[in-house]
Amino acid sequence: TLLASLHKFKALNCPILVGISRKSMIYKLLDTTPEEA
């Protein structure tokens, strides 16, 4: 939900950092592991 709404964070007038690298939102959804993400 946050990723789909990421554009809304521009209203804060700050650079936006995204840290999703190999996280569980990927490997749990795909039923894999961090190594496979």
Full PDB file with SEQRES, HELIX, SHEET, SSBOND, CRYST1, ORIGX, SCALE, CONECT and MASTER records, all heavy atoms in Angstrom:
SEQRES   1 A   37  THR LEU LEU ALA SER LEU HIS LYS PHE LYS ALA LEU ASN          
SEQRES   2 A   37  CYS PRO ILE LEU VAL GLY ILE SER ARG LYS SER MET ILE          
SEQRES   3 A   37  TYR LYS LEU LEU ASP THR THR PRO GLU GLU ALA                  
HELIX    1 AA1 LEU A    6  LEU A   12  5                                   7    
HELIX    2 AA2 SER A   24  LEU A   30  1                                   7    
HELIX    3 AA3 PRO A   34  GLU A   36  5                                   3    
CRYST1    1.000    1.000    1.000  90.00  90.00  90.00 P 1           1          
ORIGX1      1.000000  0.000000  0.000000        0.00000                         
ORIGX2      0.000000  1.000000  0.000000        0.00000                         
ORIGX3      0.000000  0.000000  1.000000        0.00000                         
SCALE1      1.000000  0.000000  0.000000        0.00000                         
SCALE2      0.000000  1.000000  0.000000        0.00000                         
SCALE3      0.000000  0.000000  1.000000        0.00000                         
ATOM      1  N   THR A   1       0.831  -1.200   0.000  1.00  0.00           N  
ATOM      2  CA  THR A   1       0.000   0.000   0.000  1.00  0.00           C  
ATOM      3  C   THR A   1       0.869   1.253   0.000  1.00  0.00           C  
ATOM      4  O   THR A   1       0.616   2.214  -0.745  1.00  0.00           O  
ATOM      5  CB  THR A   1      -0.934   0.009   1.230  1.00  0.00           C  
ATOM      6  OG1 THR A   1      -1.758  -1.149   1.206  1.00  0.00           O  
ATOM      7  CG2 THR A   1      -1.800   1.258   1.245  1.00  0.00           C  
ATOM      8  N   LEU A   2       1.912   1.244   0.823  1.00  0.00           N  
ATOM      9  CA  LEU A   2       2.837   2.381   0.869  1.00  0.00           C  
ATOM     10  C   LEU A   2       3.555   2.571  -0.464  1.00  0.00           C  
ATOM     11  O   LEU A   2       3.714   3.704  -0.943  1.00  0.00           O  
ATOM     12  CB  LEU A   2       3.866   2.180   1.982  1.00  0.00           C  
ATOM     13  CG  LEU A   2       3.381   2.398   3.415  1.00  0.00           C  
ATOM     14  CD1 LEU A   2       4.454   1.956   4.405  1.00  0.00           C  
ATOM     15  CD2 LEU A   2       3.025   3.863   3.654  1.00  0.00           C  
ATOM     16  N   LEU A   3       3.991   1.468  -1.059  1.00  0.00           N  
ATOM     17  CA  LEU A   3       4.694   1.577  -2.335  1.00  0.00           C  
ATOM     18  C   LEU A   3       3.773   2.127  -3.418  1.00  0.00           C  
ATOM     19  O   LEU A   3       4.180   2.966  -4.232  1.00  0.00           O  
ATOM     20  CB  LEU A   3       5.246   0.208  -2.747  1.00  0.00           C  
ATOM     21  CG  LEU A   3       6.103   0.188  -4.012  1.00  0.00           C  
ATOM     22  CD1 LEU A   3       7.306   1.115  -3.881  1.00  0.00           C  
ATOM     23  CD2 LEU A   3       6.568  -1.241  -4.308  1.00  0.00           C  
ATOM     24  N   ALA A   4       2.523   1.672  -3.420  1.00  0.00           N  
ATOM     25  CA  ALA A   4       1.556   2.162  -4.407  1.00  0.00           C  
ATOM     26  C   ALA A   4       1.236   3.645  -4.201  1.00  0.00           C  
ATOM     27  O   ALA A   4       0.809   4.320  -5.142  1.00  0.00           O  
ATOM     28  CB  ALA A   4       0.271   1.336  -4.325  1.00  0.00           C  
ATOM     29  N   SER A   5       1.473   4.144  -2.987  1.00  0.00           N  
ATOM     30  CA  SER A   5       1.161   5.545  -2.658  1.00  0.00           C  
ATOM     31  C   SER A   5       2.427   6.389  -2.494  1.00  0.00           C  
ATOM     32  O   SER A   5       2.357   7.496  -1.940  1.00  0.00           O  
ATOM     33  CB  SER A   5       0.356   5.597  -1.350  1.00  0.00           C  
ATOM     34  OG  SER A   5      -0.784   4.773  -1.403  1.00  0.00           O  
ATOM     35  N   LEU A   6       3.548   5.877  -2.968  1.00  0.00           N  
ATOM     36  CA  LEU A   6       4.826   6.552  -2.707  1.00  0.00           C  
ATOM     37  C   LEU A   6       4.836   7.995  -3.212  1.00  0.00           C  
ATOM     38  O   LEU A   6       5.451   8.874  -2.604  1.00  0.00           O  
ATOM     39  CB  LEU A   6       5.972   5.764  -3.352  1.00  0.00           C  
ATOM     40  CG  LEU A   6       7.392   6.202  -2.955  1.00  0.00           C  
ATOM     41  CD1 LEU A   6       7.645   5.928  -1.477  1.00  0.00           C  
ATOM     42  CD2 LEU A   6       8.437   5.467  -3.799  1.00  0.00           C  
ATOM     43  N   HIS A   7       4.151   8.255  -4.302  1.00  0.00           N  
ATOM     44  CA  HIS A   7       4.120   9.610  -4.863  1.00  0.00           C  
ATOM     45  C   HIS A   7       3.564  10.629  -3.871  1.00  0.00           C  
ATOM     46  O   HIS A   7       3.903  11.813  -3.931  1.00  0.00           O  
ATOM     47  CB  HIS A   7       3.277   9.627  -6.148  1.00  0.00           C  
ATOM     48  CG  HIS A   7       1.852   9.227  -5.944  1.00  0.00           C  
ATOM     49  ND1 HIS A   7       1.454   7.904  -5.797  1.00  0.00           N  
ATOM     50  CD2 HIS A   7       0.726   9.971  -5.834  1.00  0.00           C  
ATOM     51  CE1 HIS A   7       0.148   7.863  -5.623  1.00  0.00           C  
ATOM     52  NE2 HIS A   7      -0.311   9.086  -5.641  1.00  0.00           N  
ATOM     53  N   LYS A   8       2.738  10.172  -2.933  1.00  0.00           N  
ATOM     54  CA  LYS A   8       2.140  11.086  -1.955  1.00  0.00           C  
ATOM     55  C   LYS A   8       3.185  11.662  -0.995  1.00  0.00           C  
ATOM     56  O   LYS A   8       2.975  12.725  -0.406  1.00  0.00           O  
ATOM     57  CB  LYS A   8       1.043  10.379  -1.164  1.00  0.00           C  
ATOM     58  CG  LYS A   8      -0.174   9.995  -2.001  1.00  0.00           C  
ATOM     59  CD  LYS A   8      -1.268   9.386  -1.141  1.00  0.00           C  
ATOM     60  CE  LYS A   8      -2.504   9.037  -1.965  1.00  0.00           C  
ATOM     61  NZ  LYS A   8      -3.591   8.455  -1.141  1.00  0.00           N  
ATOM     62  N   PHE A   9       4.306  10.946  -0.843  1.00  0.00           N  
ATOM     63  CA  PHE A   9       5.336  11.416   0.081  1.00  0.00           C  
ATOM     64  C   PHE A   9       6.079  12.638  -0.448  1.00  0.00           C  
ATOM     65  O   PHE A   9       6.810  13.291   0.298  1.00  0.00           O  
ATOM     66  CB  PHE A   9       6.303  10.270   0.406  1.00  0.00           C  
ATOM     67  CG  PHE A   9       5.689   9.245   1.316  1.00  0.00           C  
ATOM     68  CD1 PHE A   9       4.866   8.248   0.815  1.00  0.00           C  
ATOM     69  CD2 PHE A   9       5.904   9.287   2.678  1.00  0.00           C  
ATOM     70  CE1 PHE A   9       4.267   7.318   1.649  1.00  0.00           C  
ATOM     71  CE2 PHE A   9       5.322   8.355   3.532  1.00  0.00           C  
ATOM     72  CZ  PHE A   9       4.500   7.377   3.004  1.00  0.00           C  
ATOM     73  N   LYS A  10       5.885  12.973  -1.707  1.00  0.00           N  
ATOM     74  CA  LYS A  10       6.477  14.186  -2.259  1.00  0.00           C  
ATOM     75  C   LYS A  10       5.942  15.429  -1.541  1.00  0.00           C  
ATOM     76  O   LYS A  10       6.597  16.469  -1.507  1.00  0.00           O  
ATOM     77  CB  LYS A  10       6.199  14.282  -3.759  1.00  0.00           C  
ATOM     78  CG  LYS A  10       6.945  13.259  -4.595  1.00  0.00           C  
ATOM     79  CD  LYS A  10       6.607  13.418  -6.067  1.00  0.00           C  
ATOM     80  CE  LYS A  10       7.432  12.474  -6.928  1.00  0.00           C  
ATOM     81  NZ  LYS A  10       8.866  12.801  -6.918  1.00  0.00           N  
ATOM     82  N   ALA A  11       4.743  15.310  -0.959  1.00  0.00           N  
ATOM     83  CA  ALA A  11       4.144  16.436  -0.244  1.00  0.00           C  
ATOM     84  C   ALA A  11       4.983  16.863   0.959  1.00  0.00           C  
ATOM     85  O   ALA A  11       4.858  17.995   1.447  1.00  0.00           O  
ATOM     86  CB  ALA A  11       2.731  16.084   0.205  1.00  0.00           C  
ATOM     87  N   LEU A  12       5.840  15.986   1.450  1.00  0.00           N  
ATOM     88  CA  LEU A  12       6.705  16.309   2.589  1.00  0.00           C  
ATOM     89  C   LEU A  12       7.873  17.204   2.187  1.00  0.00           C  
ATOM     90  O   LEU A  12       8.587  17.722   3.049  1.00  0.00           O  
ATOM     91  CB  LEU A  12       7.235  15.023   3.233  1.00  0.00           C  
ATOM     92  CG  LEU A  12       6.173  14.092   3.831  1.00  0.00           C  
ATOM     93  CD1 LEU A  12       6.808  12.787   4.304  1.00  0.00           C  
ATOM     94  CD2 LEU A  12       5.426  14.766   4.962  1.00  0.00           C  
ATOM     95  N   ASN A  13       8.091  17.351   0.882  1.00  0.00           N  
ATOM     96  CA  ASN A  13       9.129  18.243   0.355  1.00  0.00           C  
ATOM     97  C   ASN A  13      10.535  17.870   0.836  1.00  0.00           C  
ATOM     98  O   ASN A  13      11.344  18.737   1.171  1.00  0.00           O  
ATOM     99  CB  ASN A  13       8.826  19.699   0.710  1.00  0.00           C  
ATOM    100  CG  ASN A  13       9.600  20.683  -0.163  1.00  0.00           C  
ATOM    101  OD1 ASN A  13       9.936  20.390  -1.313  1.00  0.00           O  
ATOM    102  ND2 ASN A  13       9.912  21.847   0.379  1.00  0.00           N  
ATOM    103  N   CYS A  14      10.788  16.576   0.895  1.00  0.00           N  
ATOM    104  CA  CYS A  14      12.106  16.052   1.253  1.00  0.00           C  
ATOM    105  C   CYS A  14      12.462  14.952   0.254  1.00  0.00           C  
ATOM    106  O   CYS A  14      11.572  14.313  -0.315  1.00  0.00           O  
ATOM    107  CB  CYS A  14      12.103  15.429   2.647  1.00  0.00           C  
ATOM    108  SG  CYS A  14      11.723  16.549   4.002  1.00  0.00           S  
ATOM    109  N   PRO A  15      13.749  14.696   0.031  1.00  0.00           N  
ATOM    110  CA  PRO A  15      14.117  13.521  -0.768  1.00  0.00           C  
ATOM    111  C   PRO A  15      13.541  12.256  -0.139  1.00  0.00           C  
ATOM    112  O   PRO A  15      13.480  12.136   1.085  1.00  0.00           O  
ATOM    113  CB  PRO A  15      15.648  13.514  -0.710  1.00  0.00           C  
ATOM    114  CG  PRO A  15      16.033  14.907  -0.362  1.00  0.00           C  
ATOM    115  CD  PRO A  15      14.934  15.440   0.500  1.00  0.00           C  
ATOM    116  N   ILE A  16      13.119  11.319  -0.984  1.00  0.00           N  
ATOM    117  CA  ILE A  16      12.498  10.079  -0.518  1.00  0.00           C  
ATOM    118  C   ILE A  16      13.482   8.922  -0.667  1.00  0.00           C  
ATOM    119  O   ILE A  16      13.989   8.676  -1.771  1.00  0.00           O  
ATOM    120  CB  ILE A  16      11.224   9.762  -1.320  1.00  0.00           C  
ATOM    121  CG1 ILE A  16      10.211  10.902  -1.192  1.00  0.00           C  
ATOM    122  CG2 ILE A  16      10.603   8.443  -0.853  1.00  0.00           C  
ATOM    123  CD1 ILE A  16       9.060  10.796  -2.168  1.00  0.00           C  
ATOM    124  N   LEU A  17      13.759   8.241   0.429  1.00  0.00           N  
ATOM    125  CA  LEU A  17      14.609   7.050   0.404  1.00  0.00           C  
ATOM    126  C   LEU A  17      13.724   5.809   0.495  1.00  0.00           C  
ATOM    127  O   LEU A  17      12.806   5.755   1.318  1.00  0.00           O  
ATOM    128  CB  LEU A  17      15.600   7.076   1.561  1.00  0.00           C  
ATOM    129  CG  LEU A  17      16.632   5.934   1.626  1.00  0.00           C  
ATOM    130  CD1 LEU A  17      17.926   6.425   2.275  1.00  0.00           C  
ATOM    131  CD2 LEU A  17      16.111   4.732   2.420  1.00  0.00           C  
ATOM    132  N   VAL A  18      14.010   4.835  -0.350  1.00  0.00           N  
ATOM    133  CA  VAL A  18      13.285   3.562  -0.328  1.00  0.00           C  
ATOM    134  C   VAL A  18      14.278   2.434  -0.054  1.00  0.00           C  
ATOM    135  O   VAL A  18      15.263   2.279  -0.783  1.00  0.00           O  
ATOM    136  CB  VAL A  18      12.537   3.318  -1.652  1.00  0.00           C  
ATOM    137  CG1 VAL A  18      11.978   1.898  -1.708  1.00  0.00           C  
ATOM    138  CG2 VAL A  18      11.410   4.341  -1.815  1.00  0.00           C  
ATOM    139  N   GLY A  19      14.004   1.663   0.987  1.00  0.00           N  
ATOM    140  CA  GLY A  19      14.852   0.524   1.340  1.00  0.00           C  
ATOM    141  C   GLY A  19      14.030  -0.746   1.369  1.00  0.00           C  
ATOM    142  O   GLY A  19      13.394  -1.060   2.386  1.00  0.00           O  
ATOM    143  N   ILE A  20      14.014  -1.467   0.249  1.00  0.00           N  
ATOM    144  CA  ILE A  20      13.219  -2.697   0.160  1.00  0.00           C  
ATOM    145  C   ILE A  20      14.073  -3.890  -0.248  1.00  0.00           C  
ATOM    146  O   ILE A  20      13.567  -4.978  -0.479  1.00  0.00           O  
ATOM    147  CB  ILE A  20      12.052  -2.535  -0.851  1.00  0.00           C  
ATOM    148  CG1 ILE A  20      12.564  -1.954  -2.162  1.00  0.00           C  
ATOM    149  CG2 ILE A  20      10.962  -1.659  -0.282  1.00  0.00           C  
ATOM    150  CD1 ILE A  20      11.489  -1.695  -3.192  1.00  0.00           C  
ATOM    151  N   SER A  21      15.370  -3.680  -0.301  1.00  0.00           N  
ATOM    152  CA  SER A  21      16.280  -4.682  -0.843  1.00  0.00           C  
ATOM    153  C   SER A  21      16.175  -6.029  -0.116  1.00  0.00           C  
ATOM    154  O   SER A  21      16.440  -6.119   1.083  1.00  0.00           O  
ATOM    155  CB  SER A  21      17.718  -4.163  -0.757  1.00  0.00           C  
ATOM    156  OG  SER A  21      18.624  -5.085  -1.307  1.00  0.00           O  
ATOM    157  N   ARG A  22      15.738  -7.049  -0.847  1.00  0.00           N  
ATOM    158  CA  ARG A  22      15.697  -8.440  -0.388  1.00  0.00           C  
ATOM    159  C   ARG A  22      14.837  -8.637   0.872  1.00  0.00           C  
ATOM    160  O   ARG A  22      15.019  -9.618   1.600  1.00  0.00           O  
ATOM    161  CB  ARG A  22      17.114  -8.983  -0.175  1.00  0.00           C  
ATOM    162  CG  ARG A  22      17.951  -9.026  -1.456  1.00  0.00           C  
ATOM    163  CD  ARG A  22      19.325  -9.621  -1.205  1.00  0.00           C  
ATOM    164  NE  ARG A  22      20.132  -9.679  -2.415  1.00  0.00           N  
ATOM    165  CZ  ARG A  22      20.180 -10.728  -3.250  1.00  0.00           C  
ATOM    166  NH1 ARG A  22      19.453 -11.803  -2.991  1.00  0.00           N  
ATOM    167  NH2 ARG A  22      20.953 -10.698  -4.314  1.00  0.00           N  
ATOM    168  N   LYS A  23      13.909  -7.730   1.132  1.00  0.00           N  
ATOM    169  CA  LYS A  23      13.104  -7.816   2.354  1.00  0.00           C  
ATOM    170  C   LYS A  23      11.977  -8.829   2.222  1.00  0.00           C  
ATOM    171  O   LYS A  23      11.652  -9.317   1.141  1.00  0.00           O  
ATOM    172  CB  LYS A  23      12.558  -6.433   2.714  1.00  0.00           C  
ATOM    173  CG  LYS A  23      13.619  -5.509   3.293  1.00  0.00           C  
ATOM    174  CD  LYS A  23      13.033  -4.214   3.824  1.00  0.00           C  
ATOM    175  CE  LYS A  23      14.105  -3.376   4.526  1.00  0.00           C  
ATOM    176  NZ  LYS A  23      13.557  -2.102   5.047  1.00  0.00           N  
ATOM    177  N   SER A  24      11.339  -9.089   3.368  1.00  0.00           N  
ATOM    178  CA  SER A  24      10.313 -10.135   3.418  1.00  0.00           C  
ATOM    179  C   SER A  24       9.092  -9.803   2.575  1.00  0.00           C  
ATOM    180  O   SER A  24       8.353 -10.705   2.184  1.00  0.00           O  
ATOM    181  CB  SER A  24       9.889 -10.394   4.864  1.00  0.00           C  
ATOM    182  OG  SER A  24       9.283  -9.253   5.429  1.00  0.00           O  
ATOM    183  N   MET A  25       8.847  -8.523   2.283  1.00  0.00           N  
ATOM    184  CA  MET A  25       7.732  -8.183   1.410  1.00  0.00           C  
ATOM    185  C   MET A  25       7.918  -8.761   0.015  1.00  0.00           C  
ATOM    186  O   MET A  25       6.956  -8.872  -0.743  1.00  0.00           O  
ATOM    187  CB  MET A  25       7.540  -6.664   1.327  1.00  0.00           C  
ATOM    188  CG  MET A  25       8.675  -5.904   0.674  1.00  0.00           C  
ATOM    189  SD  MET A  25       8.423  -4.098   0.679  1.00  0.00           S  
ATOM    190  CE  MET A  25       7.103  -3.888  -0.512  1.00  0.00           C  
ATOM    191  N   ILE A  26       9.148  -9.152  -0.289  1.00  0.00           N  
ATOM    192  CA  ILE A  26       9.440  -9.818  -1.559  1.00  0.00           C  
ATOM    193  C   ILE A  26       9.432 -11.327  -1.383  1.00  0.00           C  
ATOM    194  O   ILE A  26       8.646 -12.042  -1.994  1.00  0.00           O  
ATOM    195  CB  ILE A  26      10.806  -9.363  -2.117  1.00  0.00           C  
ATOM    196  CG1 ILE A  26      10.828  -7.848  -2.328  1.00  0.00           C  
ATOM    197  CG2 ILE A  26      11.141 -10.103  -3.417  1.00  0.00           C  
ATOM    198  CD1 ILE A  26      12.200  -7.281  -2.567  1.00  0.00           C  
ATOM    199  N   TYR A  27      10.306 -11.821  -0.518  1.00  0.00           N  
ATOM    200  CA  TYR A  27      10.499 -13.279  -0.488  1.00  0.00           C  
ATOM    201  C   TYR A  27       9.350 -14.031   0.181  1.00  0.00           C  
ATOM    202  O   TYR A  27       9.096 -15.186  -0.166  1.00  0.00           O  
ATOM    203  CB  TYR A  27      11.855 -13.657   0.116  1.00  0.00           C  
ATOM    204  CG  TYR A  27      12.083 -13.342   1.571  1.00  0.00           C  
ATOM    205  CD1 TYR A  27      11.582 -14.161   2.580  1.00  0.00           C  
ATOM    206  CD2 TYR A  27      12.854 -12.248   1.948  1.00  0.00           C  
ATOM    207  CE1 TYR A  27      11.817 -13.892   3.909  1.00  0.00           C  
ATOM    208  CE2 TYR A  27      13.095 -11.968   3.280  1.00  0.00           C  
ATOM    209  CZ  TYR A  27      12.572 -12.786   4.259  1.00  0.00           C  
ATOM    210  OH  TYR A  27      12.813 -12.522   5.582  1.00  0.00           O  
ATOM    211  N   LYS A  28       8.620 -13.381   1.090  1.00  0.00           N  
ATOM    212  CA  LYS A  28       7.451 -14.062   1.652  1.00  0.00           C  
ATOM    213  C   LYS A  28       6.309 -14.116   0.642  1.00  0.00           C  
ATOM    214  O   LYS A  28       5.591 -15.110   0.557  1.00  0.00           O  
ATOM    215  CB  LYS A  28       7.002 -13.375   2.942  1.00  0.00           C  
ATOM    216  CG  LYS A  28       7.916 -13.656   4.127  1.00  0.00           C  
ATOM    217  CD  LYS A  28       7.358 -13.089   5.421  1.00  0.00           C  
ATOM    218  CE  LYS A  28       8.265 -13.443   6.601  1.00  0.00           C  
ATOM    219  NZ  LYS A  28       7.753 -12.880   7.873  1.00  0.00           N  
ATOM    220  N   LEU A  29       6.156 -13.050  -0.120  1.00  0.00           N  
ATOM    221  CA  LEU A  29       5.126 -13.036  -1.158  1.00  0.00           C  
ATOM    222  C   LEU A  29       5.404 -14.108  -2.213  1.00  0.00           C  
ATOM    223  O   LEU A  29       4.486 -14.791  -2.685  1.00  0.00           O  
ATOM    224  CB  LEU A  29       5.068 -11.662  -1.823  1.00  0.00           C  
ATOM    225  CG  LEU A  29       4.064 -11.503  -2.962  1.00  0.00           C  
ATOM    226  CD1 LEU A  29       2.632 -11.589  -2.437  1.00  0.00           C  
ATOM    227  CD2 LEU A  29       4.286 -10.189  -3.699  1.00  0.00           C  
ATOM    228  N   LEU A  30       6.663 -14.274  -2.578  1.00  0.00           N  
ATOM    229  CA  LEU A  30       7.050 -15.205  -3.633  1.00  0.00           C  
ATOM    230  C   LEU A  30       7.406 -16.593  -3.108  1.00  0.00           C  
ATOM    231  O   LEU A  30       7.749 -17.486  -3.892  1.00  0.00           O  
ATOM    232  CB  LEU A  30       8.240 -14.631  -4.415  1.00  0.00           C  
ATOM    233  CG  LEU A  30       8.001 -13.255  -5.062  1.00  0.00           C  
ATOM    234  CD1 LEU A  30       9.272 -12.775  -5.760  1.00  0.00           C  
ATOM    235  CD2 LEU A  30       6.839 -13.302  -6.031  1.00  0.00           C  
ATOM    236  N   ASP A  31       7.348 -16.751  -1.771  1.00  0.00           N  
ATOM    237  CA  ASP A  31       7.669 -18.032  -1.133  1.00  0.00           C  
ATOM    238  C   ASP A  31       9.066 -18.495  -1.496  1.00  0.00           C  
ATOM    239  O   ASP A  31       9.294 -19.628  -1.903  1.00  0.00           O  
ATOM    240  CB  ASP A  31       6.635 -19.107  -1.518  1.00  0.00           C  
ATOM    241  CG  ASP A  31       6.742 -20.341  -0.625  1.00  0.00           C  
ATOM    242  OD1 ASP A  31       7.243 -20.207   0.507  1.00  0.00           O  
ATOM    243  OD2 ASP A  31       6.323 -21.427  -1.071  1.00  0.00           O  
ATOM    244  N   THR A  32      10.035 -17.573  -1.335  1.00  0.00           N  
ATOM    245  CA  THR A  32      11.435 -17.899  -1.610  1.00  0.00           C  
ATOM    246  C   THR A  32      12.276 -17.521  -0.382  1.00  0.00           C  
ATOM    247  O   THR A  32      11.841 -17.703   0.747  1.00  0.00           O  
ATOM    248  CB  THR A  32      11.926 -17.178  -2.872  1.00  0.00           C  
ATOM    249  OG1 THR A  32      11.737 -15.757  -2.718  1.00  0.00           O  
ATOM    250  CG2 THR A  32      11.180 -17.644  -4.111  1.00  0.00           C  
ATOM    251  N   THR A  33      13.457 -17.008  -0.600  1.00  0.00           N  
ATOM    252  CA  THR A  33      14.371 -16.633   0.476  1.00  0.00           C  
ATOM    253  C   THR A  33      15.017 -15.291   0.132  1.00  0.00           C  
ATOM    254  O   THR A  33      14.956 -14.848  -1.020  1.00  0.00           O  
ATOM    255  CB  THR A  33      15.493 -17.677   0.628  1.00  0.00           C  
ATOM    256  OG1 THR A  33      16.296 -17.665  -0.572  1.00  0.00           O  
ATOM    257  CG2 THR A  33      14.932 -19.067   0.865  1.00  0.00           C  
ATOM    258  N   PRO A  34      15.651 -14.637   1.121  1.00  0.00           N  
ATOM    259  CA  PRO A  34      16.372 -13.399   0.809  1.00  0.00           C  
ATOM    260  C   PRO A  34      17.419 -13.595  -0.287  1.00  0.00           C  
ATOM    261  O   PRO A  34      17.631 -12.716  -1.122  1.00  0.00           O  
ATOM    262  CB  PRO A  34      17.027 -13.025   2.139  1.00  0.00           C  
ATOM    263  CG  PRO A  34      16.134 -13.610   3.178  1.00  0.00           C  
ATOM    264  CD  PRO A  34      15.639 -14.907   2.581  1.00  0.00           C  
ATOM    265  N   GLU A  35      18.066 -14.757  -0.284  1.00  0.00           N  
ATOM    266  CA  GLU A  35      19.089 -15.028  -1.302  1.00  0.00           C  
ATOM    267  C   GLU A  35      18.509 -15.085  -2.711  1.00  0.00           C  
ATOM    268  O   GLU A  35      19.210 -14.817  -3.692  1.00  0.00           O  
ATOM    269  CB  GLU A  35      19.796 -16.355  -0.990  1.00  0.00           C  
ATOM    270  CG  GLU A  35      20.710 -16.322   0.228  1.00  0.00           C  
ATOM    271  CD  GLU A  35      19.946 -16.252   1.552  1.00  0.00           C  
ATOM    272  OE1 GLU A  35      18.764 -16.645   1.580  1.00  0.00           O  
ATOM    273  OE2 GLU A  35      20.542 -15.801   2.552  1.00  0.00           O  
ATOM    274  N   GLU A  36      17.233 -15.411  -2.826  1.00  0.00           N  
ATOM    275  CA  GLU A  36      16.587 -15.530  -4.127  1.00  0.00           C  
ATOM    276  C   GLU A  36      15.768 -14.294  -4.500  1.00  0.00           C  
ATOM    277  O   GLU A  36      15.014 -14.333  -5.475  1.00  0.00           O  
ATOM    278  CB  GLU A  36      15.666 -16.759  -4.130  1.00  0.00           C  
ATOM    279  CG  GLU A  36      16.387 -18.077  -3.904  1.00  0.00           C  
ATOM    280  CD  GLU A  36      15.430 -19.244  -3.699  1.00  0.00           C  
ATOM    281  OE1 GLU A  36      14.739 -19.277  -2.661  1.00  0.00           O  
ATOM    282  OE2 GLU A  36      15.373 -20.105  -4.594  1.00  0.00           O  
ATOM    283  N   ALA A  37      15.935 -13.207  -3.755  1.00  0.00           N  
ATOM    284  CA  ALA A  37      15.040 -12.054  -3.900  1.00  0.00           C  
ATOM    285  C   ALA A  37      15.594 -10.929  -4.760  1.00  0.00           C  
ATOM    286  O   ALA A  37      15.045  -9.823  -4.752  1.00  0.00           O  
ATOM    287  CB  ALA A  37      14.673 -11.514  -2.521  1.00  0.00           C  
TER     288      ALA A  37                                                      
MASTER        0    0    0    3    0    0    0    6  287    1    0    3          
END                                                                             
